[in-house]
Amino acid sequence: GKVLYINEIGAANVCGKPEDFTGKTVFELFPGKADMYIKRFSSVLNSSRPAVFEDVLDLPSGKKIFKSKILPVGGMDCSAVGMISNDITAAVNAGKKLKHRMALEKIITQLSTKFVRITGEEADSEINRALKRIGQFVKIDRAYVFLINKDGKTMDNTHEWCAAGIESHIGLFKNFPVSNAPWWIGKMKRFESINISDIEKLPPDADKEKKLFRKLFCEGL
């Protein structure tokens, strides 16, 4: 079978124009998924009943998720199918982000509840467990706790968790001069989040941090 018609929106959703699809077979358009599509079309034709499917396509613009409804065309003697597809990528991703956020908030709530009940002697071990749990959940290499000393001029890396195969850095940050990381310390004092996806994109006033992070990390922090 061949594609008889596709509208401009449908073609644009898969990074093309109607003329790129009309008259071509499924095997020409989607060679890696053709057998699966043919099986679906045959099932709808044989049963004369519509069916709904979700697919992930690797397109030049990136991965997209589509929800498609395949319908028989022509009544009981149908010899063709129609397909209505909706790009649900944004909705699916939003749902995943919400689910991830809710799961993280649940972990934080559980940890907060536990810290209220522990004794001073249990604090260090519980902090290490908390770093491990959060680090594994967000799939990072390291998680730290830093303590600025009473003089306000130095800080210590008091707790650290490292994923398997990751070198520990805790010994590098003992009595570490605060003046060596003014941009970083300033953001922490203002209770701001620090999310560095690319060290080379740090602002000019973070030059000291850039040099430090280059020594310790490959790309991001």
N, C-alpha and C. Protein backbone atom coordinates (compact mmCIF):
# COMPACT_ATOMS: atom_id res chain seq x y z
N GLY A 1 0.81 -1.20 0.00
CA GLY A 1 0.00 0.00 0.00
C GLY A 1 0.85 1.26 0.00
N LYS A 2 0.24 2.35 -0.44
CA LYS A 2 0.94 3.62 -0.50
C LYS A 2 0.20 4.70 0.27
N VAL A 3 0.91 5.74 0.62
CA VAL A 3 0.29 6.90 1.26
C VAL A 3 -0.45 7.68 0.18
N LEU A 4 -1.77 7.84 0.35
CA LEU A 4 -2.58 8.54 -0.63
C LEU A 4 -2.66 10.04 -0.33
N TYR A 5 -2.62 10.38 0.97
CA TYR A 5 -2.74 11.80 1.33
C TYR A 5 -2.20 12.03 2.74
N ILE A 6 -1.52 13.13 2.91
CA ILE A 6 -1.09 13.59 4.23
C ILE A 6 -1.13 15.12 4.22
N ASN A 7 -1.70 15.71 5.26
CA ASN A 7 -1.80 17.17 5.26
C ASN A 7 -0.47 17.81 5.67
N GLU A 8 -0.42 19.12 5.56
CA GLU A 8 0.82 19.84 5.81
C GLU A 8 1.27 19.73 7.27
N ILE A 9 0.30 19.77 8.19
CA ILE A 9 0.64 19.68 9.61
C ILE A 9 1.23 18.31 9.93
N GLY A 10 0.58 17.28 9.42
CA GLY A 10 1.08 15.92 9.66
C GLY A 10 2.47 15.72 9.10
N ALA A 11 2.71 16.24 7.88
CA ALA A 11 4.03 16.11 7.27
C ALA A 11 5.08 16.90 8.06
N ALA A 12 4.70 18.11 8.50
CA ALA A 12 5.64 18.95 9.25
C ALA A 12 6.01 18.31 10.58
N ASN A 13 5.06 17.58 11.18
CA ASN A 13 5.33 16.93 12.47
C ASN A 13 6.45 15.90 12.36
N VAL A 14 6.63 15.35 11.17
CA VAL A 14 7.71 14.38 10.97
C VAL A 14 8.78 14.96 10.04
N CYS A 15 8.90 16.30 10.11
CA CYS A 15 9.98 17.04 9.45
C CYS A 15 9.97 16.89 7.92
N GLY A 16 8.81 17.02 7.33
CA GLY A 16 8.73 16.93 5.88
C GLY A 16 7.60 17.75 5.29
N LYS A 17 7.36 17.56 4.00
CA LYS A 17 6.27 18.20 3.28
C LYS A 17 5.37 17.11 2.71
N PRO A 18 4.11 17.42 2.39
CA PRO A 18 3.20 16.39 1.87
C PRO A 18 3.78 15.62 0.68
N GLU A 19 4.48 16.33 -0.21
CA GLU A 19 5.02 15.67 -1.40
C GLU A 19 6.14 14.68 -1.06
N ASP A 20 6.69 14.81 0.16
CA ASP A 20 7.73 13.86 0.57
C ASP A 20 7.14 12.49 0.92
N PHE A 21 5.82 12.45 1.16
CA PHE A 21 5.17 11.22 1.62
C PHE A 21 4.18 10.63 0.62
N THR A 22 3.45 11.51 -0.07
CA THR A 22 2.39 11.05 -0.99
C THR A 22 2.96 10.15 -2.09
N GLY A 23 2.31 9.00 -2.25
CA GLY A 23 2.70 8.06 -3.29
C GLY A 23 3.79 7.09 -2.88
N LYS A 24 4.32 7.25 -1.69
CA LYS A 24 5.38 6.35 -1.24
C LYS A 24 4.84 5.28 -0.30
N THR A 25 5.55 4.16 -0.24
CA THR A 25 5.13 3.06 0.63
C THR A 25 5.69 3.25 2.03
N VAL A 26 5.12 2.52 2.98
CA VAL A 26 5.60 2.56 4.36
C VAL A 26 7.04 2.08 4.43
N PHE A 27 7.39 1.12 3.57
CA PHE A 27 8.75 0.59 3.58
C PHE A 27 9.76 1.63 3.11
N GLU A 28 9.33 2.54 2.23
CA GLU A 28 10.22 3.61 1.78
C GLU A 28 10.36 4.70 2.84
N LEU A 29 9.26 4.97 3.54
CA LEU A 29 9.25 6.07 4.50
C LEU A 29 9.84 5.70 5.86
N PHE A 30 9.47 4.52 6.34
CA PHE A 30 9.90 4.09 7.68
C PHE A 30 10.41 2.65 7.62
N PRO A 31 11.55 2.42 6.96
CA PRO A 31 12.04 1.05 6.77
C PRO A 31 12.24 0.28 8.06
N GLY A 32 12.63 0.96 9.12
CA GLY A 32 12.87 0.27 10.39
C GLY A 32 11.61 -0.12 11.13
N LYS A 33 10.49 0.54 10.81
CA LYS A 33 9.24 0.28 11.52
C LYS A 33 8.13 -0.21 10.58
N ALA A 34 8.47 -0.43 9.32
CA ALA A 34 7.47 -0.77 8.31
C ALA A 34 6.66 -2.02 8.66
N ASP A 35 7.34 -3.09 9.08
CA ASP A 35 6.65 -4.34 9.40
C ASP A 35 5.63 -4.12 10.51
N MET A 36 6.00 -3.33 11.51
CA MET A 36 5.09 -3.05 12.63
C MET A 36 3.86 -2.28 12.14
N TYR A 37 4.09 -1.28 11.28
CA TYR A 37 2.97 -0.49 10.77
C TYR A 37 2.03 -1.35 9.90
N ILE A 38 2.61 -2.18 9.05
CA ILE A 38 1.80 -3.05 8.19
C ILE A 38 0.94 -3.99 9.02
N LYS A 39 1.52 -4.50 10.09
CA LYS A 39 0.78 -5.39 10.98
C LYS A 39 -0.40 -4.65 11.61
N ARG A 40 -0.19 -3.41 12.01
CA ARG A 40 -1.26 -2.61 12.59
C ARG A 40 -2.35 -2.33 11.57
N PHE A 41 -1.94 -1.92 10.37
CA PHE A 41 -2.91 -1.61 9.32
C PHE A 41 -3.75 -2.85 8.98
N SER A 42 -3.09 -3.99 8.88
CA SER A 42 -3.79 -5.24 8.54
C SER A 42 -4.79 -5.61 9.62
N SER A 43 -4.40 -5.40 10.89
CA SER A 43 -5.30 -5.71 11.99
C SER A 43 -6.56 -4.85 11.93
N VAL A 44 -6.40 -3.57 11.62
CA VAL A 44 -7.55 -2.67 11.52
C VAL A 44 -8.42 -3.06 10.33
N LEU A 45 -7.80 -3.37 9.20
CA LEU A 45 -8.56 -3.76 8.00
C LEU A 45 -9.34 -5.06 8.23
N ASN A 46 -8.71 -6.04 8.87
CA ASN A 46 -9.35 -7.34 9.09
C ASN A 46 -10.48 -7.26 10.11
N SER A 47 -10.34 -6.40 11.11
CA SER A 47 -11.35 -6.30 12.16
C SER A 47 -12.39 -5.21 11.89
N SER A 48 -12.05 -4.31 10.96
CA SER A 48 -12.90 -3.14 10.68
C SER A 48 -13.13 -2.29 11.92
N ARG A 49 -12.15 -2.33 12.81
CA ARG A 49 -12.24 -1.54 14.05
C ARG A 49 -11.01 -0.65 14.19
N PRO A 50 -11.22 0.56 14.70
CA PRO A 50 -10.07 1.47 14.90
C PRO A 50 -9.17 0.98 16.03
N ALA A 51 -7.94 1.44 16.03
CA ALA A 51 -6.98 1.08 17.08
C ALA A 51 -6.09 2.30 17.36
N VAL A 52 -5.62 2.38 18.61
CA VAL A 52 -4.79 3.51 19.04
C VAL A 52 -3.42 3.00 19.46
N PHE A 53 -2.38 3.73 19.04
CA PHE A 53 -1.01 3.34 19.35
C PHE A 53 -0.19 4.57 19.72
N GLU A 54 0.90 4.34 20.47
CA GLU A 54 1.88 5.39 20.76
C GLU A 54 3.23 4.95 20.22
N ASP A 55 3.94 5.88 19.59
CA ASP A 55 5.24 5.57 19.00
C ASP A 55 6.25 6.67 19.31
N VAL A 56 7.50 6.28 19.40
CA VAL A 56 8.61 7.22 19.53
C VAL A 56 9.39 7.19 18.22
N LEU A 57 9.52 8.36 17.58
CA LEU A 57 10.25 8.44 16.32
C LEU A 57 11.51 9.28 16.49
N ASP A 58 12.60 8.79 15.92
CA ASP A 58 13.85 9.56 15.88
C ASP A 58 13.85 10.40 14.62
N LEU A 59 13.65 11.71 14.80
CA LEU A 59 13.56 12.63 13.67
C LEU A 59 14.76 13.58 13.68
N PRO A 60 15.00 14.27 12.56
CA PRO A 60 16.11 15.25 12.53
C PRO A 60 16.00 16.30 13.63
N SER A 61 14.78 16.60 14.06
CA SER A 61 14.58 17.60 15.12
C SER A 61 14.69 16.99 16.52
N GLY A 62 14.92 15.69 16.59
CA GLY A 62 15.01 15.00 17.87
C GLY A 62 13.93 13.94 18.02
N LYS A 63 13.88 13.31 19.17
CA LYS A 63 12.87 12.28 19.41
C LYS A 63 11.51 12.92 19.66
N LYS A 64 10.48 12.36 19.02
CA LYS A 64 9.11 12.82 19.23
C LYS A 64 8.20 11.62 19.54
N ILE A 65 7.19 11.90 20.35
CA ILE A 65 6.24 10.86 20.74
C ILE A 65 4.90 11.19 20.10
N PHE A 66 4.33 10.23 19.40
CA PHE A 66 3.05 10.43 18.72
C PHE A 66 2.01 9.44 19.23
N LYS A 67 0.79 9.93 19.38
CA LYS A 67 -0.36 9.08 19.66
C LYS A 67 -1.21 9.06 18.41
N SER A 68 -1.40 7.87 17.85
CA SER A 68 -2.08 7.75 16.56
C SER A 68 -3.30 6.86 16.64
N LYS A 69 -4.34 7.26 15.94
CA LYS A 69 -5.55 6.45 15.82
C LYS A 69 -5.68 6.01 14.37
N ILE A 70 -5.72 4.70 14.17
CA ILE A 70 -5.85 4.14 12.82
C ILE A 70 -7.29 3.70 12.63
N LEU A 71 -7.91 4.17 11.54
CA LEU A 71 -9.32 3.88 11.31
C LEU A 71 -9.51 3.23 9.95
N PRO A 72 -10.46 2.28 9.85
CA PRO A 72 -10.78 1.70 8.54
C PRO A 72 -11.55 2.71 7.70
N VAL A 73 -11.28 2.73 6.41
CA VAL A 73 -11.94 3.66 5.50
C VAL A 73 -12.74 2.86 4.48
N GLY A 74 -14.04 3.18 4.36
CA GLY A 74 -14.86 2.52 3.33
C GLY A 74 -15.83 1.49 3.87
N GLY A 75 -16.13 1.53 5.15
CA GLY A 75 -17.13 0.62 5.71
C GLY A 75 -16.63 -0.80 5.83
N MET A 76 -17.55 -1.77 5.73
CA MET A 76 -17.21 -3.18 5.92
C MET A 76 -16.27 -3.70 4.83
N ASP A 77 -16.34 -3.11 3.65
CA ASP A 77 -15.49 -3.55 2.54
C ASP A 77 -14.26 -2.66 2.39
N CYS A 78 -13.80 -2.15 3.50
CA CYS A 78 -12.70 -1.18 3.46
C CYS A 78 -11.44 -1.82 2.89
N SER A 79 -10.72 -1.02 2.13
CA SER A 79 -9.45 -1.48 1.57
C SER A 79 -8.34 -0.47 1.86
N ALA A 80 -8.66 0.48 2.73
CA ALA A 80 -7.68 1.50 3.09
C ALA A 80 -7.87 1.89 4.55
N VAL A 81 -6.86 2.52 5.11
CA VAL A 81 -6.96 3.00 6.48
C VAL A 81 -6.56 4.48 6.52
N GLY A 82 -7.12 5.17 7.49
CA GLY A 82 -6.73 6.55 7.75
C GLY A 82 -6.03 6.61 9.10
N MET A 83 -5.15 7.54 9.27
CA MET A 83 -4.43 7.65 10.55
C MET A 83 -4.40 9.10 11.00
N ILE A 84 -4.85 9.32 12.22
CA ILE A 84 -4.81 10.65 12.83
C ILE A 84 -3.76 10.62 13.93
N SER A 85 -2.72 11.44 13.79
CA SER A 85 -1.63 11.43 14.75
C SER A 85 -1.49 12.78 15.45
N ASN A 86 -1.23 12.72 16.74
CA ASN A 86 -0.99 13.93 17.53
C ASN A 86 0.38 13.84 18.18
N ASP A 87 1.13 14.94 18.10
CA ASP A 87 2.43 15.03 18.74
C ASP A 87 2.19 15.28 20.24
N ILE A 88 2.47 14.27 21.07
CA ILE A 88 2.23 14.39 22.52
C ILE A 88 3.54 14.50 23.29
N THR A 89 4.62 14.84 22.59
CA THR A 89 5.94 14.90 23.22
C THR A 89 5.96 15.83 24.42
N ALA A 90 5.44 17.05 24.22
CA ALA A 90 5.47 18.05 25.30
C ALA A 90 4.67 17.59 26.51
N ALA A 91 3.51 17.01 26.26
CA ALA A 91 2.66 16.54 27.36
C ALA A 91 3.31 15.40 28.13
N VAL A 92 3.92 14.47 27.39
CA VAL A 92 4.59 13.33 28.03
C VAL A 92 5.78 13.81 28.86
N ASN A 93 6.58 14.72 28.29
CA ASN A 93 7.75 15.23 29.00
C ASN A 93 7.33 16.01 30.24
N ALA A 94 6.25 16.79 30.13
CA ALA A 94 5.76 17.54 31.29
C ALA A 94 5.32 16.60 32.40
N GLY A 95 4.67 15.50 32.00
CA GLY A 95 4.24 14.50 32.98
C GLY A 95 5.43 13.84 33.67
N LYS A 96 6.49 13.56 32.91
CA LYS A 96 7.69 12.95 33.48
C LYS A 96 8.36 13.90 34.46
N LYS A 97 8.43 15.19 34.09
CA LYS A 97 9.06 16.17 34.97
C LYS A 97 8.28 16.31 36.27
N LEU A 98 6.96 16.32 36.16
CA LEU A 98 6.13 16.43 37.36
C LEU A 98 6.31 15.22 38.25
N LYS A 99 6.33 14.04 37.65
CA LYS A 99 6.51 12.80 38.40
C LYS A 99 7.87 12.79 39.10
N HIS A 100 8.90 13.25 38.38
CA HIS A 100 10.26 13.30 38.95
C HIS A 100 10.29 14.28 40.12
N ARG A 101 9.67 15.44 39.95
CA ARG A 101 9.67 16.45 41.01
C ARG A 101 8.94 15.93 42.25
N MET A 102 7.81 15.27 42.04
CA MET A 102 7.04 14.75 43.17
C MET A 102 7.83 13.67 43.90
N ALA A 103 8.55 12.84 43.16
CA ALA A 103 9.35 11.78 43.78
C ALA A 103 10.49 12.39 44.59
N LEU A 104 11.12 13.45 44.05
CA LEU A 104 12.22 14.11 44.77
C LEU A 104 11.69 14.78 46.04
N GLU A 105 10.53 15.44 45.94
CA GLU A 105 9.95 16.08 47.12
C GLU A 105 9.60 15.06 48.19
N LYS A 106 9.18 13.88 47.77
CA LYS A 106 8.87 12.82 48.72
C LYS A 106 10.13 12.39 49.46
N ILE A 107 11.24 12.24 48.71
CA ILE A 107 12.52 11.86 49.34
C ILE A 107 12.95 12.93 50.33
N ILE A 108 12.86 14.19 49.95
CA ILE A 108 13.26 15.29 50.84
C ILE A 108 12.41 15.32 52.10
N THR A 109 11.12 15.08 51.94
CA THR A 109 10.22 15.05 53.10
C THR A 109 10.60 13.92 54.04
N GLN A 110 10.88 12.75 53.49
CA GLN A 110 11.27 11.60 54.30
C GLN A 110 12.58 11.86 55.04
N LEU A 111 13.54 12.47 54.33
CA LEU A 111 14.82 12.76 54.95
C LEU A 111 14.67 13.81 56.05
N SER A 112 13.86 14.82 55.79
CA SER A 112 13.64 15.88 56.79
C SER A 112 13.02 15.31 58.05
N THR A 113 12.06 14.42 57.87
CA THR A 113 11.40 13.79 59.02
C THR A 113 12.40 12.97 59.83
N LYS A 114 13.30 12.28 59.13
CA LYS A 114 14.28 11.45 59.82
C LYS A 114 15.29 12.30 60.58
N PHE A 115 15.72 13.42 60.00
CA PHE A 115 16.71 14.27 60.65
C PHE A 115 16.17 14.90 61.93
N VAL A 116 14.88 15.09 61.99
CA VAL A 116 14.28 15.65 63.20
C VAL A 116 14.44 14.69 64.38
N ARG A 117 14.49 13.38 64.09
CA ARG A 117 14.47 12.36 65.13
C ARG A 117 15.84 11.84 65.53
N ILE A 118 16.88 12.15 64.76
CA ILE A 118 18.19 11.54 65.05
C ILE A 118 18.92 12.29 66.16
N THR A 119 19.90 11.60 66.73
CA THR A 119 20.75 12.22 67.75
C THR A 119 21.98 12.83 67.10
N GLY A 120 22.74 13.60 67.86
CA GLY A 120 23.94 14.22 67.33
C GLY A 120 24.95 13.21 66.84
N GLU A 121 25.02 12.07 67.53
CA GLU A 121 25.98 11.03 67.15
C GLU A 121 25.62 10.37 65.82
N GLU A 122 24.36 10.42 65.46
CA GLU A 122 23.91 9.78 64.22
C GLU A 122 23.97 10.73 63.03
N ALA A 123 24.23 12.01 63.28
CA ALA A 123 24.13 13.03 62.23
C ALA A 123 25.02 12.74 61.03
N ASP A 124 26.29 12.46 61.27
CA ASP A 124 27.23 12.26 60.15
C ASP A 124 26.81 11.11 59.24
N SER A 125 26.48 9.98 59.84
CA SER A 125 26.11 8.82 59.04
C SER A 125 24.81 9.07 58.28
N GLU A 126 23.88 9.78 58.89
CA GLU A 126 22.60 10.06 58.23
C GLU A 126 22.77 11.06 57.09
N ILE A 127 23.67 12.02 57.27
CA ILE A 127 23.96 12.97 56.19
C ILE A 127 24.55 12.23 54.99
N ASN A 128 25.46 11.30 55.26
CA ASN A 128 26.06 10.52 54.18
C ASN A 128 25.01 9.68 53.47
N ARG A 129 24.10 9.09 54.23
CA ARG A 129 23.02 8.29 53.62
C ARG A 129 22.11 9.18 52.77
N ALA A 130 21.84 10.38 53.27
CA ALA A 130 20.98 11.31 52.54
C ALA A 130 21.63 11.73 51.22
N LEU A 131 22.93 12.02 51.25
CA LEU A 131 23.65 12.39 50.03
C LEU A 131 23.61 11.25 49.01
N LYS A 132 23.79 10.03 49.50
CA LYS A 132 23.75 8.88 48.61
C LYS A 132 22.38 8.71 47.98
N ARG A 133 21.33 8.85 48.77
CA ARG A 133 19.98 8.65 48.25
C ARG A 133 19.63 9.70 47.21
N ILE A 134 19.96 10.96 47.50
CA ILE A 134 19.66 12.04 46.56
C ILE A 134 20.54 11.91 45.31
N GLY A 135 21.82 11.61 45.53
CA GLY A 135 22.74 11.48 44.40
C GLY A 135 22.32 10.38 43.43
N GLN A 136 21.92 9.23 43.97
CA GLN A 136 21.48 8.13 43.12
C GLN A 136 20.17 8.45 42.41
N PHE A 137 19.30 9.18 43.09
CA PHE A 137 18.01 9.50 42.49
C PHE A 137 18.18 10.43 41.29
N VAL A 138 19.01 11.46 41.43
CA VAL A 138 19.19 12.42 40.33
C VAL A 138 20.30 11.99 39.37
N LYS A 139 20.93 10.84 39.65
CA LYS A 139 21.91 10.23 38.76
C LYS A 139 23.11 11.14 38.51
N ILE A 140 23.77 11.53 39.59
CA ILE A 140 24.96 12.37 39.50
C ILE A 140 26.18 11.61 39.99
N ASP A 141 27.35 12.19 39.78
CA ASP A 141 28.60 11.53 40.18
C ASP A 141 28.94 11.76 41.65
N ARG A 142 28.66 12.98 42.13
CA ARG A 142 29.03 13.33 43.51
C ARG A 142 27.96 14.19 44.14
N ALA A 143 27.92 14.14 45.48
CA ALA A 143 27.07 15.04 46.26
C ALA A 143 27.88 15.48 47.48
N TYR A 144 27.84 16.77 47.79
CA TYR A 144 28.68 17.31 48.86
C TYR A 144 27.87 18.06 49.91
N VAL A 145 28.50 18.24 51.06
CA VAL A 145 28.07 19.22 52.07
C VAL A 145 29.31 20.03 52.44
N PHE A 146 29.20 21.36 52.34
CA PHE A 146 30.30 22.25 52.73
C PHE A 146 29.89 23.05 53.96
N LEU A 147 30.85 23.29 54.84
CA LEU A 147 30.61 24.08 56.05
C LEU A 147 31.60 25.24 56.08
N ILE A 148 31.05 26.46 56.09
CA ILE A 148 31.92 27.64 56.20
C ILE A 148 32.32 27.79 57.66
N ASN A 149 33.59 27.88 57.92
CA ASN A 149 34.10 27.95 59.29
C ASN A 149 33.76 29.28 59.96
N LYS A 150 33.91 29.30 61.28
CA LYS A 150 33.49 30.46 62.08
C LYS A 150 34.19 31.75 61.67
N ASP A 151 35.44 31.63 61.17
CA ASP A 151 36.15 32.85 60.79
C ASP A 151 35.60 33.46 59.50
N GLY A 152 34.76 32.69 58.78
CA GLY A 152 34.17 33.18 57.55
C GLY A 152 35.14 33.24 56.38
N LYS A 153 36.36 32.82 56.60
CA LYS A 153 37.39 32.93 55.57
C LYS A 153 37.71 31.59 54.90
N THR A 154 37.38 30.51 55.57
CA THR A 154 37.66 29.18 55.02
C THR A 154 36.43 28.29 55.14
N MET A 155 36.44 27.20 54.39
CA MET A 155 35.34 26.24 54.47
C MET A 155 35.88 24.83 54.31
N ASP A 156 35.12 23.88 54.81
CA ASP A 156 35.50 22.47 54.75
C ASP A 156 34.42 21.66 54.03
N ASN A 157 34.86 20.71 53.24
CA ASN A 157 33.95 19.72 52.67
C ASN A 157 33.78 18.64 53.74
N THR A 158 32.68 18.69 54.48
CA THR A 158 32.50 17.81 55.63
C THR A 158 31.93 16.45 55.28
N HIS A 159 31.14 16.39 54.21
CA HIS A 159 30.51 15.12 53.82
C HIS A 159 30.51 15.02 52.30
N GLU A 160 30.65 13.78 51.82
CA GLU A 160 30.69 13.56 50.38
C GLU A 160 30.17 12.16 50.05
N TRP A 161 29.42 12.07 48.96
CA TRP A 161 29.05 10.76 48.42
C TRP A 161 29.52 10.72 46.97
N CYS A 162 30.11 9.60 46.56
CA CYS A 162 30.58 9.43 45.18
C CYS A 162 29.95 8.16 44.58
N ALA A 163 29.56 8.25 43.33
CA ALA A 163 29.06 7.08 42.63
C ALA A 163 30.21 6.11 42.39
N ALA A 164 29.88 4.88 42.05
CA ALA A 164 30.91 3.86 41.82
C ALA A 164 31.88 4.31 40.73
N GLY A 165 33.18 4.18 41.03
CA GLY A 165 34.19 4.53 40.06
C GLY A 165 34.56 5.99 40.01
N ILE A 166 33.96 6.82 40.87
CA ILE A 166 34.23 8.25 40.88
C ILE A 166 35.20 8.59 42.01
N GLU A 167 36.24 9.34 41.67
CA GLU A 167 37.27 9.69 42.64
C GLU A 167 36.75 10.69 43.67
N SER A 168 37.11 10.48 44.92
CA SER A 168 36.70 11.38 46.00
C SER A 168 37.50 12.68 45.95
N HIS A 169 36.83 13.79 46.28
CA HIS A 169 37.48 15.10 46.33
C HIS A 169 37.46 15.70 47.73
N ILE A 170 36.92 14.98 48.69
CA ILE A 170 36.70 15.57 50.01
C ILE A 170 38.00 16.06 50.65
N GLY A 171 39.09 15.38 50.36
CA GLY A 171 40.37 15.78 50.94
C GLY A 171 40.94 17.06 50.36
N LEU A 172 40.41 17.51 49.23
CA LEU A 172 40.92 18.72 48.58
C LEU A 172 40.32 19.99 49.17
N PHE A 173 39.27 19.84 49.95
CA PHE A 173 38.57 21.02 50.44
C PHE A 173 38.57 21.08 51.97
N LYS A 174 39.76 21.12 52.53
CA LYS A 174 39.92 21.33 53.97
C LYS A 174 40.57 22.70 54.16
N ASN A 175 39.91 23.54 54.95
CA ASN A 175 40.38 24.92 55.13
C ASN A 175 40.55 25.62 53.78
N PHE A 176 39.59 25.36 52.91
CA PHE A 176 39.63 25.94 51.56
C PHE A 176 39.27 27.43 51.65
N PRO A 177 40.11 28.32 51.12
CA PRO A 177 39.85 29.76 51.22
C PRO A 177 38.56 30.17 50.48
N VAL A 178 37.68 30.84 51.19
CA VAL A 178 36.44 31.32 50.60
C VAL A 178 36.74 32.29 49.45
N SER A 179 37.84 33.01 49.56
CA SER A 179 38.21 33.99 48.53
C SER A 179 38.52 33.34 47.19
N ASN A 180 38.73 32.01 47.19
CA ASN A 180 39.01 31.30 45.94
C ASN A 180 37.75 30.99 45.14
N ALA A 181 36.59 31.25 45.73
CA ALA A 181 35.33 30.97 45.05
C ALA A 181 34.29 32.05 45.40
N PRO A 182 34.57 33.32 45.11
CA PRO A 182 33.67 34.40 45.52
C PRO A 182 32.29 34.35 44.87
N TRP A 183 32.25 33.98 43.59
CA TRP A 183 30.94 33.91 42.90
C TRP A 183 30.08 32.80 43.49
N TRP A 184 30.69 31.65 43.71
CA TRP A 184 30.02 30.48 44.27
C TRP A 184 29.51 30.77 45.68
N ILE A 185 30.38 31.33 46.53
CA ILE A 185 30.01 31.63 47.90
C ILE A 185 28.91 32.68 47.96
N GLY A 186 29.00 33.68 47.09
CA GLY A 186 27.97 34.72 47.06
C GLY A 186 26.59 34.15 46.77
N LYS A 187 26.51 33.22 45.82
CA LYS A 187 25.22 32.61 45.49
C LYS A 187 24.70 31.76 46.65
N MET A 188 25.60 31.05 47.32
CA MET A 188 25.17 30.24 48.46
C MET A 188 24.66 31.11 49.61
N LYS A 189 25.34 32.24 49.86
CA LYS A 189 24.91 33.13 50.94
C LYS A 189 23.54 33.74 50.64
N ARG A 190 23.23 33.87 49.36
CA ARG A 190 21.91 34.41 48.96
C ARG A 190 20.88 33.29 48.80
N PHE A 191 21.28 32.06 49.17
CA PHE A 191 20.41 30.88 49.08
C PHE A 191 19.91 30.65 47.65
N GLU A 192 20.80 30.88 46.69
CA GLU A 192 20.46 30.67 45.29
C GLU A 192 20.95 29.31 44.83
N SER A 193 20.22 28.71 43.91
CA SER A 193 20.63 27.43 43.34
C SER A 193 21.81 27.65 42.40
N ILE A 194 22.71 26.68 42.34
CA ILE A 194 23.85 26.74 41.43
C ILE A 194 23.76 25.55 40.48
N ASN A 195 23.48 25.81 39.24
CA ASN A 195 23.35 24.75 38.24
C ASN A 195 24.27 25.09 37.07
N ILE A 196 25.38 24.38 36.99
CA ILE A 196 26.38 24.66 35.95
C ILE A 196 26.40 23.48 34.98
N SER A 197 25.77 23.64 33.83
CA SER A 197 25.73 22.57 32.84
C SER A 197 26.97 22.59 31.95
N ASP A 198 27.60 23.76 31.84
CA ASP A 198 28.80 23.90 31.01
C ASP A 198 29.74 24.89 31.69
N ILE A 199 30.87 24.40 32.17
CA ILE A 199 31.82 25.24 32.89
C ILE A 199 32.27 26.43 32.05
N GLU A 200 32.42 26.23 30.74
CA GLU A 200 32.91 27.30 29.87
C GLU A 200 31.92 28.44 29.70
N LYS A 201 30.67 28.23 30.13
CA LYS A 201 29.65 29.27 30.00
C LYS A 201 29.45 30.05 31.30
N LEU A 202 30.34 29.85 32.27
CA LEU A 202 30.25 30.61 33.51
C LEU A 202 30.47 32.10 33.22
N PRO A 203 29.84 32.99 33.99
CA PRO A 203 29.99 34.43 33.76
C PRO A 203 31.41 34.91 34.07
N PRO A 204 31.78 36.09 33.58
CA PRO A 204 33.14 36.62 33.80
C PRO A 204 33.52 36.73 35.27
N ASP A 205 32.53 37.03 36.14
CA ASP A 205 32.86 37.18 37.57
C ASP A 205 33.06 35.84 38.27
N ALA A 206 32.97 34.75 37.51
CA ALA A 206 33.22 33.42 38.07
C ALA A 206 34.51 32.84 37.51
N ASP A 207 35.47 33.70 37.20
CA ASP A 207 36.71 33.24 36.59
C ASP A 207 37.50 32.31 37.51
N LYS A 208 37.52 32.63 38.81
CA LYS A 208 38.24 31.78 39.76
C LYS A 208 37.60 30.40 39.83
N GLU A 209 36.27 30.38 39.84
CA GLU A 209 35.56 29.09 39.90
C GLU A 209 35.80 28.29 38.61
N LYS A 210 35.82 28.99 37.49
CA LYS A 210 36.04 28.30 36.22
C LYS A 210 37.37 27.56 36.22
N LYS A 211 38.42 28.23 36.71
CA LYS A 211 39.74 27.60 36.76
C LYS A 211 39.75 26.41 37.72
N LEU A 212 39.06 26.58 38.86
CA LEU A 212 39.00 25.50 39.84
C LEU A 212 38.23 24.31 39.30
N PHE A 213 37.05 24.57 38.70
CA PHE A 213 36.21 23.48 38.20
C PHE A 213 36.86 22.75 37.04
N ARG A 214 37.65 23.47 36.25
CA ARG A 214 38.36 22.81 35.14
C ARG A 214 39.30 21.73 35.65
N LYS A 215 39.87 21.96 36.81
CA LYS A 215 40.80 20.99 37.40
C LYS A 215 40.07 19.78 37.97
N LEU A 216 38.83 20.03 38.43
CA LEU A 216 38.12 18.98 39.17
C LEU A 216 37.09 18.24 38.33
N PHE A 217 36.44 18.95 37.41
CA PHE A 217 35.33 18.37 36.67
C PHE A 217 35.55 18.50 35.17
N CYS A 218 34.88 17.64 34.42
CA CYS A 218 35.03 17.66 32.96
C CYS A 218 34.20 18.77 32.32
N GLU A 219 32.88 18.81 32.65
CA GLU A 219 31.99 19.74 31.95
C GLU A 219 31.11 20.53 32.88
N GLY A 220 30.35 19.82 33.74
CA GLY A 220 29.35 20.50 34.55
C GLY A 220 29.41 20.14 36.00
N LEU A 221 28.63 20.90 36.79
CA LEU A 221 28.60 20.70 38.23
C LEU A 221 27.17 20.75 38.71
